[in-house]
Amino acid sequence: MSKNKNFSDTAANRYSLALYELAEENKYIQEIENQSSALIKLFDKSEDFKSLVKNPTNKKEEQINVINKISESYNFNKLLKNFLCFLAEKRRLFFLRNILINFVDICSQKRGEVKARLVAAKQLSVEEVNKIKDELSKDFTSKVKLDYQYDPSLIGGLIIQVGSVMIDTSIKSKLKQLENKMIGV
C-alpha cells in the first residue's frame, strides 16, 4: 500500500512540475495557478466532478468531454485545458487533485512564500486574518501564504502552524491536557 502511495505521490509531483515548467515557459503561471485553485474547489465541492475524476470506469472520451465543457465555462487557459485532456487521455486524471495542489505549492515556493495554517474558534474578519498574516510575515521574514479555517469545536483560542512550528492556544487543547493529567493521576 505505501509503495503505491509513494508511486502516486512521485507521479503527481512530476506532473505538477511539468505543468509549472509549461506555465512558466508560456508566462501563464498566475492565470493557471488561479484556475487550478478553482478546480481544487470544484473537486472538493462537487461529488459529480469528484466521481468523474476518481471513477476508473468512466471512459476517457467522457472525461475529455466534461473537461472541455468545464474549460469553456470557466474560461480556462488553453494550456491548462490541454494538460487536463492529456491527463484524461493517459488515464491519469485520478491524480488531478494532488497534481493541482502540488502545482499551487510549487508556485508559492517559487515566489518565496512560507505556507501557514490558521484555525480559529471564532469567525475572523478579512482584516483580522490579514493582520495575523502580516505579523507572521514579520516573524518569518518572508511572505506567508495563510490557509484560514473556522472551527467552533476549539471553543476558544486558535492554532497557528508554520512548517513544523505549531502554536496551540485553543481551549479544546487545554481541556484535553487537563483531562490527560487527571487520567494519569
N, C-alpha and C. Protein backbone atom coordinates (compact mmCIF):
# COMPACT_ATOMS: atom_id res chain seq x y z
N MET A 1 0.83 -1.20 0.00
CA MET A 1 0.00 0.00 0.00
C MET A 1 0.86 1.26 0.00
N SER A 2 1.84 1.33 0.89
CA SER A 2 2.66 2.53 0.96
C SER A 2 3.52 2.67 -0.29
N LYS A 3 3.88 1.53 -0.90
CA LYS A 3 4.64 1.58 -2.13
C LYS A 3 3.84 2.26 -3.24
N ASN A 4 2.54 1.92 -3.36
CA ASN A 4 1.67 2.55 -4.35
C ASN A 4 1.46 4.02 -4.05
N LYS A 5 1.30 4.36 -2.77
CA LYS A 5 1.11 5.76 -2.40
C LYS A 5 2.34 6.56 -2.78
N ASN A 6 3.52 6.01 -2.52
CA ASN A 6 4.76 6.69 -2.87
C ASN A 6 4.84 6.89 -4.38
N PHE A 7 4.45 5.86 -5.13
CA PHE A 7 4.45 5.98 -6.59
C PHE A 7 3.50 7.09 -7.04
N SER A 8 2.29 7.11 -6.47
CA SER A 8 1.32 8.12 -6.89
C SER A 8 1.78 9.52 -6.50
N ASP A 9 2.41 9.67 -5.35
CA ASP A 9 2.94 10.98 -4.96
C ASP A 9 4.04 11.42 -5.92
N THR A 10 4.93 10.50 -6.26
CA THR A 10 6.01 10.80 -7.19
C THR A 10 5.46 11.19 -8.56
N ALA A 11 4.50 10.42 -9.05
CA ALA A 11 3.90 10.72 -10.35
C ALA A 11 3.20 12.08 -10.31
N ALA A 12 2.44 12.34 -9.28
CA ALA A 12 1.74 13.62 -9.15
C ALA A 12 2.74 14.78 -9.11
N ASN A 13 3.84 14.60 -8.39
CA ASN A 13 4.86 15.65 -8.32
C ASN A 13 5.47 15.93 -9.69
N ARG A 14 5.69 14.87 -10.45
CA ARG A 14 6.28 15.05 -11.79
C ARG A 14 5.31 15.79 -12.72
N TYR A 15 4.04 15.41 -12.67
CA TYR A 15 3.06 16.11 -13.50
C TYR A 15 2.94 17.57 -13.07
N SER A 16 2.97 17.83 -11.77
CA SER A 16 2.89 19.20 -11.26
C SER A 16 4.06 20.04 -11.74
N LEU A 17 5.24 19.46 -11.66
CA LEU A 17 6.43 20.17 -12.10
C LEU A 17 6.38 20.43 -13.61
N ALA A 18 5.90 19.46 -14.37
CA ALA A 18 5.76 19.64 -15.82
C ALA A 18 4.79 20.77 -16.12
N LEU A 19 3.66 20.80 -15.41
CA LEU A 19 2.69 21.88 -15.60
C LEU A 19 3.32 23.22 -15.24
N TYR A 20 4.08 23.28 -14.15
CA TYR A 20 4.73 24.53 -13.75
C TYR A 20 5.70 25.01 -14.84
N GLU A 21 6.51 24.08 -15.34
CA GLU A 21 7.50 24.45 -16.35
C GLU A 21 6.83 24.94 -17.63
N LEU A 22 5.74 24.28 -18.03
CA LEU A 22 5.00 24.73 -19.21
C LEU A 22 4.39 26.11 -18.98
N ALA A 23 3.81 26.31 -17.80
CA ALA A 23 3.19 27.60 -17.48
C ALA A 23 4.24 28.71 -17.42
N GLU A 24 5.39 28.40 -16.83
CA GLU A 24 6.46 29.40 -16.74
C GLU A 24 7.00 29.75 -18.13
N GLU A 25 7.21 28.74 -18.93
CA GLU A 25 7.73 28.95 -20.28
C GLU A 25 6.79 29.83 -21.11
N ASN A 26 5.49 29.65 -20.92
CA ASN A 26 4.50 30.41 -21.68
C ASN A 26 3.99 31.65 -20.95
N LYS A 27 4.55 31.91 -19.77
CA LYS A 27 4.22 33.08 -18.94
C LYS A 27 2.75 33.12 -18.53
N TYR A 28 2.22 31.96 -18.11
CA TYR A 28 0.83 31.83 -17.66
C TYR A 28 0.73 31.38 -16.21
N ILE A 29 1.79 31.51 -15.44
CA ILE A 29 1.80 30.93 -14.09
C ILE A 29 0.64 31.43 -13.24
N GLN A 30 0.47 32.74 -13.12
CA GLN A 30 -0.57 33.29 -12.24
C GLN A 30 -1.96 32.87 -12.69
N GLU A 31 -2.20 32.93 -13.98
CA GLU A 31 -3.52 32.55 -14.52
C GLU A 31 -3.82 31.08 -14.26
N ILE A 32 -2.85 30.22 -14.53
CA ILE A 32 -3.07 28.78 -14.33
C ILE A 32 -3.13 28.44 -12.85
N GLU A 33 -2.39 29.15 -12.02
CA GLU A 33 -2.48 28.92 -10.57
C GLU A 33 -3.89 29.26 -10.08
N ASN A 34 -4.44 30.38 -10.51
CA ASN A 34 -5.80 30.76 -10.10
C ASN A 34 -6.82 29.74 -10.59
N GLN A 35 -6.68 29.30 -11.83
CA GLN A 35 -7.61 28.32 -12.38
C GLN A 35 -7.46 26.96 -11.70
N SER A 36 -6.24 26.61 -11.32
CA SER A 36 -6.00 25.35 -10.60
C SER A 36 -6.68 25.40 -9.23
N SER A 37 -6.59 26.54 -8.56
CA SER A 37 -7.26 26.70 -7.27
C SER A 37 -8.78 26.56 -7.42
N ALA A 38 -9.31 27.12 -8.50
CA ALA A 38 -10.75 26.99 -8.77
C ALA A 38 -11.12 25.53 -9.01
N LEU A 39 -10.28 24.81 -9.71
CA LEU A 39 -10.54 23.38 -9.96
C LEU A 39 -10.48 22.56 -8.68
N ILE A 40 -9.55 22.89 -7.80
CA ILE A 40 -9.46 22.20 -6.50
C ILE A 40 -10.75 22.42 -5.72
N LYS A 41 -11.25 23.65 -5.71
CA LYS A 41 -12.50 23.96 -5.01
C LYS A 41 -13.67 23.20 -5.64
N LEU A 42 -13.70 23.14 -6.97
CA LEU A 42 -14.75 22.40 -7.66
C LEU A 42 -14.69 20.92 -7.28
N PHE A 43 -13.49 20.38 -7.23
CA PHE A 43 -13.30 18.98 -6.86
C PHE A 43 -13.81 18.72 -5.44
N ASP A 44 -13.50 19.64 -4.52
CA ASP A 44 -13.89 19.47 -3.12
C ASP A 44 -15.39 19.64 -2.90
N LYS A 45 -16.05 20.44 -3.74
CA LYS A 45 -17.47 20.74 -3.52
C LYS A 45 -18.42 19.88 -4.36
N SER A 46 -17.97 19.39 -5.50
CA SER A 46 -18.86 18.68 -6.42
C SER A 46 -18.60 17.18 -6.40
N GLU A 47 -19.56 16.45 -5.90
CA GLU A 47 -19.45 14.99 -5.89
C GLU A 47 -19.46 14.43 -7.31
N ASP A 48 -20.20 15.07 -8.22
CA ASP A 48 -20.24 14.61 -9.61
C ASP A 48 -18.87 14.73 -10.26
N PHE A 49 -18.21 15.89 -10.06
CA PHE A 49 -16.89 16.09 -10.64
C PHE A 49 -15.88 15.13 -10.01
N LYS A 50 -15.96 14.97 -8.69
CA LYS A 50 -15.06 14.05 -8.00
C LYS A 50 -15.24 12.63 -8.54
N SER A 51 -16.47 12.22 -8.77
CA SER A 51 -16.75 10.89 -9.30
C SER A 51 -16.19 10.75 -10.72
N LEU A 52 -16.34 11.79 -11.53
CA LEU A 52 -15.81 11.75 -12.88
C LEU A 52 -14.30 11.55 -12.88
N VAL A 53 -13.63 12.22 -11.96
CA VAL A 53 -12.17 12.17 -11.90
C VAL A 53 -11.69 10.84 -11.28
N LYS A 54 -12.32 10.43 -10.20
CA LYS A 54 -11.83 9.27 -9.43
C LYS A 54 -12.30 7.91 -9.94
N ASN A 55 -13.45 7.86 -10.60
CA ASN A 55 -14.03 6.59 -11.01
C ASN A 55 -13.30 6.03 -12.23
N PRO A 56 -12.61 4.89 -12.07
CA PRO A 56 -11.84 4.33 -13.19
C PRO A 56 -12.71 3.75 -14.32
N THR A 57 -14.00 3.58 -14.06
CA THR A 57 -14.88 3.03 -15.11
C THR A 57 -15.36 4.09 -16.09
N ASN A 58 -15.13 5.37 -15.77
CA ASN A 58 -15.51 6.43 -16.71
C ASN A 58 -14.63 6.36 -17.95
N LYS A 59 -15.24 6.51 -19.10
CA LYS A 59 -14.49 6.48 -20.35
C LYS A 59 -13.72 7.78 -20.52
N LYS A 60 -12.53 7.66 -21.10
CA LYS A 60 -11.70 8.85 -21.26
C LYS A 60 -12.36 9.87 -22.18
N GLU A 61 -13.15 9.42 -23.16
CA GLU A 61 -13.85 10.34 -24.04
C GLU A 61 -14.85 11.19 -23.24
N GLU A 62 -15.53 10.53 -22.29
CA GLU A 62 -16.48 11.23 -21.44
C GLU A 62 -15.75 12.25 -20.56
N GLN A 63 -14.60 11.86 -20.01
CA GLN A 63 -13.82 12.77 -19.17
C GLN A 63 -13.34 13.97 -19.99
N ILE A 64 -12.85 13.72 -21.19
CA ILE A 64 -12.37 14.80 -22.05
C ILE A 64 -13.51 15.74 -22.42
N ASN A 65 -14.67 15.18 -22.68
CA ASN A 65 -15.86 15.98 -22.99
C ASN A 65 -16.20 16.93 -21.85
N VAL A 66 -16.22 16.39 -20.62
CA VAL A 66 -16.53 17.21 -19.44
C VAL A 66 -15.44 18.26 -19.21
N ILE A 67 -14.19 17.88 -19.40
CA ILE A 67 -13.08 18.84 -19.25
C ILE A 67 -13.27 20.00 -20.23
N ASN A 68 -13.63 19.69 -21.46
CA ASN A 68 -13.83 20.74 -22.46
C ASN A 68 -14.97 21.66 -22.05
N LYS A 69 -16.05 21.10 -21.53
CA LYS A 69 -17.19 21.92 -21.10
C LYS A 69 -16.82 22.79 -19.90
N ILE A 70 -16.13 22.21 -18.92
CA ILE A 70 -15.71 22.97 -17.74
C ILE A 70 -14.73 24.07 -18.15
N SER A 71 -13.79 23.72 -19.03
CA SER A 71 -12.80 24.69 -19.50
C SER A 71 -13.47 25.87 -20.20
N GLU A 72 -14.50 25.55 -20.96
CA GLU A 72 -15.22 26.60 -21.67
C GLU A 72 -16.00 27.49 -20.70
N SER A 73 -16.69 26.87 -19.72
CA SER A 73 -17.49 27.67 -18.80
C SER A 73 -16.63 28.47 -17.82
N TYR A 74 -15.48 27.93 -17.42
CA TYR A 74 -14.57 28.65 -16.52
C TYR A 74 -13.57 29.51 -17.29
N ASN A 75 -13.61 29.43 -18.62
CA ASN A 75 -12.69 30.17 -19.48
C ASN A 75 -11.23 29.85 -19.13
N PHE A 76 -10.92 28.55 -19.05
CA PHE A 76 -9.58 28.10 -18.70
C PHE A 76 -8.58 28.43 -19.81
N ASN A 77 -7.37 28.65 -19.39
CA ASN A 77 -6.26 28.82 -20.29
C ASN A 77 -6.13 27.56 -21.15
N LYS A 78 -5.81 27.74 -22.41
CA LYS A 78 -5.72 26.60 -23.34
C LYS A 78 -4.67 25.60 -22.86
N LEU A 79 -3.58 26.08 -22.30
CA LEU A 79 -2.53 25.19 -21.82
C LEU A 79 -3.06 24.28 -20.71
N LEU A 80 -3.82 24.83 -19.78
CA LEU A 80 -4.39 24.03 -18.69
C LEU A 80 -5.41 23.04 -19.25
N LYS A 81 -6.25 23.50 -20.16
CA LYS A 81 -7.24 22.60 -20.77
C LYS A 81 -6.55 21.43 -21.46
N ASN A 82 -5.50 21.72 -22.24
CA ASN A 82 -4.77 20.65 -22.93
C ASN A 82 -4.09 19.71 -21.94
N PHE A 83 -3.58 20.26 -20.86
CA PHE A 83 -2.94 19.43 -19.82
C PHE A 83 -3.97 18.49 -19.20
N LEU A 84 -5.15 19.00 -18.89
CA LEU A 84 -6.21 18.18 -18.29
C LEU A 84 -6.65 17.08 -19.27
N CYS A 85 -6.77 17.44 -20.53
CA CYS A 85 -7.14 16.44 -21.55
C CYS A 85 -6.04 15.38 -21.69
N PHE A 86 -4.79 15.81 -21.59
CA PHE A 86 -3.67 14.88 -21.64
C PHE A 86 -3.76 13.88 -20.48
N LEU A 87 -4.06 14.39 -19.28
CA LEU A 87 -4.20 13.50 -18.12
C LEU A 87 -5.33 12.49 -18.35
N ALA A 88 -6.42 12.95 -18.91
CA ALA A 88 -7.54 12.04 -19.19
C ALA A 88 -7.15 11.02 -20.24
N GLU A 89 -6.48 11.47 -21.29
CA GLU A 89 -6.05 10.58 -22.37
C GLU A 89 -5.10 9.50 -21.84
N LYS A 90 -4.22 9.85 -20.94
CA LYS A 90 -3.26 8.90 -20.38
C LYS A 90 -3.80 8.15 -19.17
N ARG A 91 -5.10 8.37 -18.86
CA ARG A 91 -5.76 7.70 -17.73
C ARG A 91 -5.08 8.04 -16.41
N ARG A 92 -4.70 9.31 -16.26
CA ARG A 92 -4.06 9.79 -15.04
C ARG A 92 -4.89 10.88 -14.37
N LEU A 93 -6.13 11.03 -14.77
CA LEU A 93 -6.96 12.10 -14.23
C LEU A 93 -7.24 11.91 -12.74
N PHE A 94 -7.16 10.66 -12.26
CA PHE A 94 -7.39 10.42 -10.83
C PHE A 94 -6.32 11.07 -9.95
N PHE A 95 -5.19 11.50 -10.54
CA PHE A 95 -4.15 12.24 -9.81
C PHE A 95 -4.47 13.73 -9.72
N LEU A 96 -5.54 14.16 -10.38
CA LEU A 96 -5.79 15.59 -10.60
C LEU A 96 -5.67 16.45 -9.35
N ARG A 97 -6.36 16.11 -8.28
CA ARG A 97 -6.34 16.96 -7.09
C ARG A 97 -4.91 17.10 -6.54
N ASN A 98 -4.19 15.97 -6.43
CA ASN A 98 -2.81 16.02 -5.93
C ASN A 98 -1.91 16.84 -6.85
N ILE A 99 -2.08 16.67 -8.15
CA ILE A 99 -1.27 17.43 -9.12
C ILE A 99 -1.50 18.93 -8.95
N LEU A 100 -2.76 19.32 -8.85
CA LEU A 100 -3.07 20.75 -8.75
C LEU A 100 -2.61 21.34 -7.42
N ILE A 101 -2.79 20.59 -6.34
CA ILE A 101 -2.31 21.07 -5.03
C ILE A 101 -0.79 21.23 -5.06
N ASN A 102 -0.09 20.25 -5.62
CA ASN A 102 1.37 20.34 -5.74
C ASN A 102 1.77 21.51 -6.63
N PHE A 103 1.03 21.72 -7.70
CA PHE A 103 1.32 22.84 -8.61
C PHE A 103 1.20 24.18 -7.88
N VAL A 104 0.12 24.36 -7.14
CA VAL A 104 -0.08 25.60 -6.38
C VAL A 104 1.04 25.77 -5.34
N ASP A 105 1.44 24.67 -4.71
CA ASP A 105 2.54 24.72 -3.74
C ASP A 105 3.86 25.11 -4.41
N ILE A 106 4.12 24.57 -5.58
CA ILE A 106 5.35 24.90 -6.32
C ILE A 106 5.35 26.39 -6.65
N CYS A 107 4.22 26.91 -7.12
CA CYS A 107 4.12 28.34 -7.44
C CYS A 107 4.42 29.19 -6.20
N SER A 108 3.86 28.78 -5.08
CA SER A 108 4.07 29.50 -3.83
C SER A 108 5.55 29.46 -3.41
N GLN A 109 6.16 28.30 -3.50
CA GLN A 109 7.58 28.16 -3.13
C GLN A 109 8.47 29.00 -4.04
N LYS A 110 8.17 29.01 -5.32
CA LYS A 110 8.99 29.77 -6.27
C LYS A 110 8.90 31.27 -6.00
N ARG A 111 7.79 31.71 -5.41
CA ARG A 111 7.65 33.13 -5.04
C ARG A 111 8.30 33.41 -3.68
N GLY A 112 8.79 32.36 -3.01
CA GLY A 112 9.43 32.52 -1.72
C GLY A 112 8.46 32.62 -0.56
N GLU A 113 7.24 32.15 -0.76
CA GLU A 113 6.24 32.20 0.29
C GLU A 113 6.39 31.02 1.25
N VAL A 114 6.04 31.29 2.51
CA VAL A 114 6.00 30.26 3.53
C VAL A 114 4.53 29.90 3.74
N LYS A 115 4.25 28.61 3.78
CA LYS A 115 2.87 28.16 3.94
C LYS A 115 2.54 28.06 5.43
N ALA A 116 1.40 28.62 5.80
CA ALA A 116 0.96 28.59 7.20
C ALA A 116 -0.52 28.23 7.27
N ARG A 117 -0.90 27.71 8.42
CA ARG A 117 -2.30 27.33 8.64
C ARG A 117 -2.80 28.00 9.91
N LEU A 118 -3.99 28.56 9.83
CA LEU A 118 -4.61 29.22 10.97
C LEU A 118 -5.99 28.62 11.17
N VAL A 119 -6.24 28.12 12.38
CA VAL A 119 -7.56 27.60 12.73
C VAL A 119 -8.02 28.40 13.94
N ALA A 120 -9.19 29.02 13.82
CA ALA A 120 -9.69 29.88 14.89
C ALA A 120 -11.04 29.40 15.38
N ALA A 121 -11.30 29.64 16.66
CA ALA A 121 -12.55 29.22 17.28
C ALA A 121 -13.70 30.16 16.94
N LYS A 122 -13.38 31.36 16.48
CA LYS A 122 -14.43 32.30 16.07
C LYS A 122 -14.18 32.72 14.63
N GLN A 123 -15.23 33.16 14.00
CA GLN A 123 -15.13 33.62 12.62
C GLN A 123 -14.33 34.91 12.60
N LEU A 124 -13.21 34.93 11.88
CA LEU A 124 -12.37 36.11 11.81
C LEU A 124 -12.70 36.91 10.55
N SER A 125 -12.58 38.22 10.68
CA SER A 125 -12.79 39.08 9.52
C SER A 125 -11.56 39.02 8.62
N VAL A 126 -11.70 39.50 7.41
CA VAL A 126 -10.59 39.53 6.47
C VAL A 126 -9.45 40.37 7.04
N GLU A 127 -9.80 41.48 7.71
CA GLU A 127 -8.79 42.36 8.30
C GLU A 127 -8.00 41.63 9.40
N GLU A 128 -8.71 40.86 10.23
CA GLU A 128 -8.04 40.12 11.30
C GLU A 128 -7.11 39.05 10.73
N VAL A 129 -7.56 38.34 9.72
CA VAL A 129 -6.72 37.32 9.09
C VAL A 129 -5.49 37.97 8.45
N ASN A 130 -5.69 39.10 7.77
CA ASN A 130 -4.57 39.80 7.15
C ASN A 130 -3.58 40.33 8.19
N LYS A 131 -4.09 40.78 9.34
CA LYS A 131 -3.20 41.27 10.41
C LYS A 131 -2.34 40.12 10.94
N ILE A 132 -2.94 38.95 11.15
CA ILE A 132 -2.18 37.78 11.60
C ILE A 132 -1.16 37.39 10.54
N LYS A 133 -1.57 37.43 9.28
CA LYS A 133 -0.67 37.09 8.18
C LYS A 133 0.53 38.04 8.14
N ASP A 134 0.26 39.34 8.33
CA ASP A 134 1.34 40.33 8.33
C ASP A 134 2.30 40.10 9.49
N GLU A 135 1.76 39.79 10.67
CA GLU A 135 2.62 39.51 11.83
C GLU A 135 3.49 38.29 11.59
N LEU A 136 2.91 37.25 11.01
CA LEU A 136 3.68 36.05 10.70
C LEU A 136 4.75 36.34 9.67
N SER A 137 4.44 37.18 8.69
CA SER A 137 5.42 37.55 7.67
C SER A 137 6.62 38.25 8.30
N LYS A 138 6.36 39.09 9.30
CA LYS A 138 7.46 39.77 10.01
C LYS A 138 8.30 38.76 10.79
N ASP A 139 7.62 37.84 11.48
CA ASP A 139 8.33 36.85 12.31
C ASP A 139 9.16 35.88 11.48
N PHE A 140 8.67 35.51 10.31
CA PHE A 140 9.37 34.52 9.50
C PHE A 140 10.14 35.16 8.35
N THR A 141 10.22 36.46 8.32
CA THR A 141 10.96 37.27 7.33
C THR A 141 10.75 36.81 5.89
N SER A 142 9.56 36.41 5.57
CA SER A 142 9.18 36.12 4.18
C SER A 142 7.66 36.18 4.10
N LYS A 143 7.17 36.28 2.87
CA LYS A 143 5.73 36.37 2.67
C LYS A 143 5.08 35.06 3.10
N VAL A 144 3.98 35.17 3.82
CA VAL A 144 3.28 33.99 4.32
C VAL A 144 1.99 33.79 3.53
N LYS A 145 1.79 32.57 3.08
CA LYS A 145 0.52 32.19 2.43
C LYS A 145 -0.29 31.48 3.49
N LEU A 146 -1.35 32.12 3.94
CA LEU A 146 -2.12 31.64 5.09
C LEU A 146 -3.40 30.94 4.66
N ASP A 147 -3.56 29.73 5.15
CA ASP A 147 -4.78 28.96 4.94
C ASP A 147 -5.60 29.08 6.21
N TYR A 148 -6.73 29.79 6.14
CA TYR A 148 -7.55 30.06 7.32
C TYR A 148 -8.77 29.13 7.35
N GLN A 149 -9.04 28.59 8.55
CA GLN A 149 -10.23 27.77 8.76
C GLN A 149 -10.91 28.18 10.06
N TYR A 150 -12.22 28.12 10.04
CA TYR A 150 -13.02 28.38 11.23
C TYR A 150 -13.44 27.04 11.81
N ASP A 151 -13.17 26.84 13.12
CA ASP A 151 -13.52 25.58 13.77
C ASP A 151 -14.08 25.88 15.16
N PRO A 152 -15.42 25.93 15.29
CA PRO A 152 -16.03 26.25 16.58
C PRO A 152 -15.77 25.20 17.65
N SER A 153 -15.33 23.99 17.25
CA SER A 153 -15.06 22.95 18.25
C SER A 153 -13.85 23.28 19.12
N LEU A 154 -13.06 24.29 18.73
CA LEU A 154 -11.90 24.70 19.54
C LEU A 154 -12.35 25.41 20.82
N ILE A 155 -13.58 25.82 20.88
CA ILE A 155 -14.22 26.51 22.00
C ILE A 155 -13.72 27.95 22.11
N GLY A 156 -12.44 28.14 22.11
CA GLY A 156 -11.83 29.47 22.18
C GLY A 156 -10.38 29.36 21.76
N GLY A 157 -9.76 30.47 21.41
CA GLY A 157 -8.35 30.48 21.03
C GLY A 157 -8.15 30.15 19.57
N LEU A 158 -6.89 29.82 19.23
CA LEU A 158 -6.57 29.49 17.85
C LEU A 158 -5.35 28.60 17.77
N ILE A 159 -5.15 28.04 16.59
CA ILE A 159 -3.99 27.20 16.30
C ILE A 159 -3.31 27.80 15.08
N ILE A 160 -2.00 28.02 15.19
CA ILE A 160 -1.23 28.51 14.06
C ILE A 160 -0.11 27.52 13.83
N GLN A 161 0.04 27.12 12.56
CA GLN A 161 1.13 26.21 12.21
C GLN A 161 1.86 26.75 11.00
N VAL A 162 3.16 26.94 11.16
CA VAL A 162 4.03 27.36 10.07
C VAL A 162 5.15 26.33 10.00
N GLY A 163 5.12 25.52 8.95
CA GLY A 163 6.10 24.44 8.85
C GLY A 163 5.93 23.48 10.01
N SER A 164 7.01 23.24 10.73
CA SER A 164 6.96 22.34 11.87
C SER A 164 6.67 23.08 13.18
N VAL A 165 6.56 24.41 13.13
CA VAL A 165 6.27 25.20 14.32
C VAL A 165 4.76 25.31 14.49
N MET A 166 4.28 24.93 15.69
CA MET A 166 2.85 24.97 15.95
C MET A 166 2.58 25.66 17.27
N ILE A 167 1.65 26.59 17.24
CA ILE A 167 1.23 27.28 18.46
C ILE A 167 -0.26 26.98 18.64
N ASP A 168 -0.59 26.33 19.76
CA ASP A 168 -1.97 25.93 20.02
C ASP A 168 -2.43 26.58 21.31
N THR A 169 -3.28 27.60 21.18
CA THR A 169 -3.81 28.29 22.36
C THR A 169 -5.30 27.99 22.54
N SER A 170 -5.76 26.92 21.92
CA SER A 170 -7.19 26.62 21.97
C SER A 170 -7.60 26.06 23.33
N ILE A 171 -8.80 26.36 23.72
CA ILE A 171 -9.35 25.85 24.98
C ILE A 171 -9.54 24.34 24.88
N LYS A 172 -9.92 23.87 23.70
CA LYS A 172 -10.09 22.43 23.48
C LYS A 172 -8.80 21.68 23.82
N SER A 173 -7.69 22.20 23.37
CA SER A 173 -6.39 21.57 23.63
C SER A 173 -6.04 21.61 25.11
N LYS A 174 -6.34 22.75 25.75
CA LYS A 174 -6.05 22.87 27.19
C LYS A 174 -6.92 21.92 28.01
N LEU A 175 -8.18 21.76 27.61
CA LEU A 175 -9.05 20.81 28.29
C LEU A 175 -8.55 19.37 28.10
N LYS A 176 -8.06 19.08 26.92
CA LYS A 176 -7.53 17.74 26.64
C LYS A 176 -6.30 17.48 27.51
N GLN A 177 -5.43 18.48 27.65
CA GLN A 177 -4.24 18.34 28.50
C GLN A 177 -4.66 18.10 29.95
N LEU A 178 -5.65 18.86 30.41
CA LEU A 178 -6.15 18.71 31.77
C LEU A 178 -6.74 17.31 31.96
N GLU A 179 -7.51 16.85 31.00
CA GLU A 179 -8.08 15.50 31.06
C GLU A 179 -6.98 14.44 31.15
N ASN A 180 -5.93 14.59 30.36
CA ASN A 180 -4.82 13.64 30.38
C ASN A 180 -4.12 13.63 31.74
N LYS A 181 -3.97 14.80 32.33
CA LYS A 181 -3.36 14.88 33.66
C LYS A 181 -4.21 14.19 34.71
N MET A 182 -5.53 14.39 34.61
CA MET A 182 -6.44 13.77 35.57
C MET A 182 -6.46 12.26 35.42
N ILE A 183 -6.42 11.77 34.20
CA ILE A 183 -6.41 10.32 33.96
C ILE A 183 -5.12 9.73 34.48
N GLY A 184 -4.03 10.47 34.31
CA GLY A 184 -2.70 10.00 34.74
C GLY A 184 -2.55 9.93 36.25
N VAL A 185 -3.40 10.63 37.02
CA VAL A 185 -3.29 10.66 38.49
C VAL A 185 -3.80 9.42 39.13
